[in-house]
Amino acid sequence: MKIKADAGRCVGAGMCALTLPQVFDQSEDDGTVVVLDAEPPAALGPAVNRAVQLCPSGALAVEE
């Protein structure tokens, strides 16, 4: 699994960072998404997918 993030589309809601802080964070400058682990372990797959679903701007995607 590989996480793709579009910081230009991100609105800084922070749902990803709240859902999975070991994989996502927010920029201190503008609050947009920062991916800490673009290829997280498979065990985190369900949580990653949940974070992607919760993103209100659709800035996150997962490639298998």
N, C-alpha and C. Protein backbone atom coordinates (compact mmCIF):
# COMPACT_ATOMS: atom_id res chain seq x y z
N MET A 1 0.83 -1.17 0.00
CA MET A 1 0.00 0.00 0.00
C MET A 1 0.88 1.24 0.00
N LYS A 2 0.47 2.22 -0.81
CA LYS A 2 1.20 3.48 -0.86
C LYS A 2 0.19 4.62 -0.77
N ILE A 3 0.48 5.56 0.11
CA ILE A 3 -0.42 6.70 0.33
C ILE A 3 0.00 7.86 -0.56
N LYS A 4 -0.99 8.42 -1.23
CA LYS A 4 -0.79 9.62 -2.05
C LYS A 4 -1.56 10.76 -1.39
N ALA A 5 -0.92 11.90 -1.24
CA ALA A 5 -1.57 13.07 -0.66
C ALA A 5 -1.40 14.27 -1.56
N ASP A 6 -2.47 15.01 -1.75
CA ASP A 6 -2.46 16.23 -2.54
C ASP A 6 -2.61 17.41 -1.58
N ALA A 7 -1.48 17.97 -1.17
CA ALA A 7 -1.49 19.07 -0.20
C ALA A 7 -2.22 20.30 -0.75
N GLY A 8 -2.24 20.48 -2.06
CA GLY A 8 -2.95 21.59 -2.67
C GLY A 8 -4.46 21.48 -2.55
N ARG A 9 -4.93 20.27 -2.42
CA ARG A 9 -6.36 20.03 -2.28
C ARG A 9 -6.80 19.98 -0.81
N CYS A 10 -5.85 19.73 0.07
CA CYS A 10 -6.11 19.59 1.50
C CYS A 10 -6.65 20.89 2.09
N VAL A 11 -7.67 20.76 2.96
CA VAL A 11 -8.24 21.93 3.62
C VAL A 11 -7.82 22.05 5.08
N GLY A 12 -6.96 21.14 5.53
CA GLY A 12 -6.42 21.22 6.88
C GLY A 12 -7.38 20.81 7.98
N ALA A 13 -8.35 19.97 7.66
CA ALA A 13 -9.32 19.53 8.68
C ALA A 13 -8.66 18.67 9.76
N GLY A 14 -7.62 17.95 9.40
CA GLY A 14 -6.88 17.17 10.37
C GLY A 14 -7.46 15.82 10.73
N MET A 15 -8.48 15.37 10.01
CA MET A 15 -9.08 14.08 10.32
C MET A 15 -8.08 12.94 10.17
N CYS A 16 -7.20 13.03 9.20
CA CYS A 16 -6.20 11.98 8.99
C CYS A 16 -5.25 11.89 10.18
N ALA A 17 -4.77 13.03 10.63
CA ALA A 17 -3.83 13.06 11.76
C ALA A 17 -4.49 12.62 13.05
N LEU A 18 -5.75 12.95 13.22
CA LEU A 18 -6.48 12.52 14.41
C LEU A 18 -6.75 11.01 14.38
N THR A 19 -7.01 10.48 13.19
CA THR A 19 -7.33 9.07 13.03
C THR A 19 -6.09 8.19 13.13
N LEU A 20 -4.98 8.63 12.55
CA LEU A 20 -3.79 7.79 12.47
C LEU A 20 -2.52 8.65 12.58
N PRO A 21 -2.22 9.14 13.79
CA PRO A 21 -1.09 10.06 13.96
C PRO A 21 0.28 9.46 13.69
N GLN A 22 0.40 8.14 13.65
CA GLN A 22 1.69 7.54 13.33
C GLN A 22 1.96 7.56 11.82
N VAL A 23 0.95 7.88 11.02
CA VAL A 23 1.10 7.93 9.57
C VAL A 23 0.93 9.34 9.02
N PHE A 24 0.05 10.13 9.64
CA PHE A 24 -0.27 11.47 9.14
C PHE A 24 0.01 12.54 10.20
N ASP A 25 0.39 13.71 9.70
CA ASP A 25 0.56 14.88 10.56
C ASP A 25 0.06 16.07 9.76
N GLN A 26 0.16 17.25 10.37
CA GLN A 26 -0.21 18.48 9.68
C GLN A 26 0.94 19.45 9.71
N SER A 27 1.08 20.19 8.62
CA SER A 27 2.11 21.21 8.51
C SER A 27 1.89 22.30 9.55
N GLU A 28 2.94 22.72 10.18
CA GLU A 28 2.84 23.82 11.15
C GLU A 28 2.57 25.14 10.44
N ASP A 29 2.94 25.24 9.18
CA ASP A 29 2.75 26.48 8.42
C ASP A 29 1.30 26.74 8.05
N ASP A 30 0.66 25.73 7.44
CA ASP A 30 -0.70 25.96 6.94
C ASP A 30 -1.71 24.88 7.31
N GLY A 31 -1.28 23.88 8.07
CA GLY A 31 -2.19 22.84 8.54
C GLY A 31 -2.49 21.74 7.54
N THR A 32 -1.87 21.81 6.36
CA THR A 32 -2.13 20.77 5.36
C THR A 32 -1.45 19.47 5.73
N VAL A 33 -1.91 18.41 5.10
CA VAL A 33 -1.46 17.06 5.40
C VAL A 33 0.04 16.87 5.14
N VAL A 34 0.66 16.13 6.05
CA VAL A 34 2.03 15.66 5.90
C VAL A 34 1.98 14.16 6.12
N VAL A 35 2.47 13.40 5.15
CA VAL A 35 2.48 11.95 5.27
C VAL A 35 3.81 11.55 5.91
N LEU A 36 3.74 10.96 7.09
CA LEU A 36 4.94 10.55 7.82
C LEU A 36 5.46 9.20 7.34
N ASP A 37 4.56 8.34 6.86
CA ASP A 37 4.93 7.00 6.39
C ASP A 37 4.11 6.70 5.15
N ALA A 38 4.67 6.95 3.97
CA ALA A 38 3.95 6.78 2.71
C ALA A 38 3.67 5.32 2.39
N GLU A 39 4.41 4.39 3.00
CA GLU A 39 4.20 2.97 2.77
C GLU A 39 4.10 2.25 4.11
N PRO A 40 2.99 2.47 4.82
CA PRO A 40 2.84 1.87 6.15
C PRO A 40 2.67 0.35 6.08
N PRO A 41 2.89 -0.33 7.20
CA PRO A 41 2.72 -1.77 7.22
C PRO A 41 1.28 -2.18 6.91
N ALA A 42 1.13 -3.36 6.35
CA ALA A 42 -0.20 -3.85 5.96
C ALA A 42 -1.16 -3.90 7.15
N ALA A 43 -0.65 -4.10 8.34
CA ALA A 43 -1.50 -4.16 9.52
C ALA A 43 -2.27 -2.86 9.75
N LEU A 44 -1.72 -1.76 9.23
CA LEU A 44 -2.40 -0.46 9.38
C LEU A 44 -3.38 -0.17 8.25
N GLY A 45 -3.50 -1.10 7.32
CA GLY A 45 -4.37 -0.91 6.16
C GLY A 45 -5.78 -0.44 6.48
N PRO A 46 -6.49 -1.12 7.38
CA PRO A 46 -7.85 -0.67 7.69
C PRO A 46 -7.89 0.75 8.26
N ALA A 47 -6.96 1.10 9.10
CA ALA A 47 -6.92 2.45 9.68
C ALA A 47 -6.57 3.49 8.62
N VAL A 48 -5.66 3.15 7.73
CA VAL A 48 -5.30 4.07 6.63
C VAL A 48 -6.53 4.31 5.75
N ASN A 49 -7.22 3.24 5.40
CA ASN A 49 -8.41 3.38 4.56
C ASN A 49 -9.47 4.23 5.24
N ARG A 50 -9.61 4.08 6.54
CA ARG A 50 -10.58 4.88 7.30
C ARG A 50 -10.19 6.36 7.25
N ALA A 51 -8.91 6.65 7.44
CA ALA A 51 -8.44 8.03 7.39
C ALA A 51 -8.68 8.64 6.02
N VAL A 52 -8.46 7.86 4.97
CA VAL A 52 -8.70 8.33 3.61
C VAL A 52 -10.18 8.64 3.41
N GLN A 53 -11.05 7.78 3.91
CA GLN A 53 -12.50 7.98 3.79
C GLN A 53 -12.97 9.22 4.55
N LEU A 54 -12.33 9.50 5.68
CA LEU A 54 -12.74 10.64 6.50
C LEU A 54 -12.27 11.99 5.97
N CYS A 55 -11.34 11.98 5.04
CA CYS A 55 -10.80 13.24 4.51
C CYS A 55 -11.91 14.01 3.77
N PRO A 56 -12.30 15.19 4.28
CA PRO A 56 -13.40 15.92 3.68
C PRO A 56 -13.09 16.52 2.30
N SER A 57 -11.82 16.69 1.98
CA SER A 57 -11.47 17.30 0.70
C SER A 57 -11.07 16.28 -0.35
N GLY A 58 -10.95 15.02 0.04
CA GLY A 58 -10.53 14.00 -0.93
C GLY A 58 -9.08 14.12 -1.32
N ALA A 59 -8.27 14.68 -0.43
CA ALA A 59 -6.86 14.91 -0.73
C ALA A 59 -6.00 13.64 -0.59
N LEU A 60 -6.58 12.58 -0.04
CA LEU A 60 -5.81 11.35 0.20
C LEU A 60 -6.30 10.22 -0.68
N ALA A 61 -5.36 9.37 -1.08
CA ALA A 61 -5.69 8.18 -1.85
C ALA A 61 -4.70 7.08 -1.49
N VAL A 62 -5.11 5.84 -1.74
CA VAL A 62 -4.25 4.69 -1.46
C VAL A 62 -4.10 3.90 -2.75
N GLU A 63 -2.86 3.56 -3.06
CA GLU A 63 -2.56 2.65 -4.17
C GLU A 63 -2.16 1.32 -3.58
N GLU A 64 -2.73 0.27 -4.10
CA GLU A 64 -2.36 -1.07 -3.59
C GLU A 64 -1.16 -1.59 -4.33
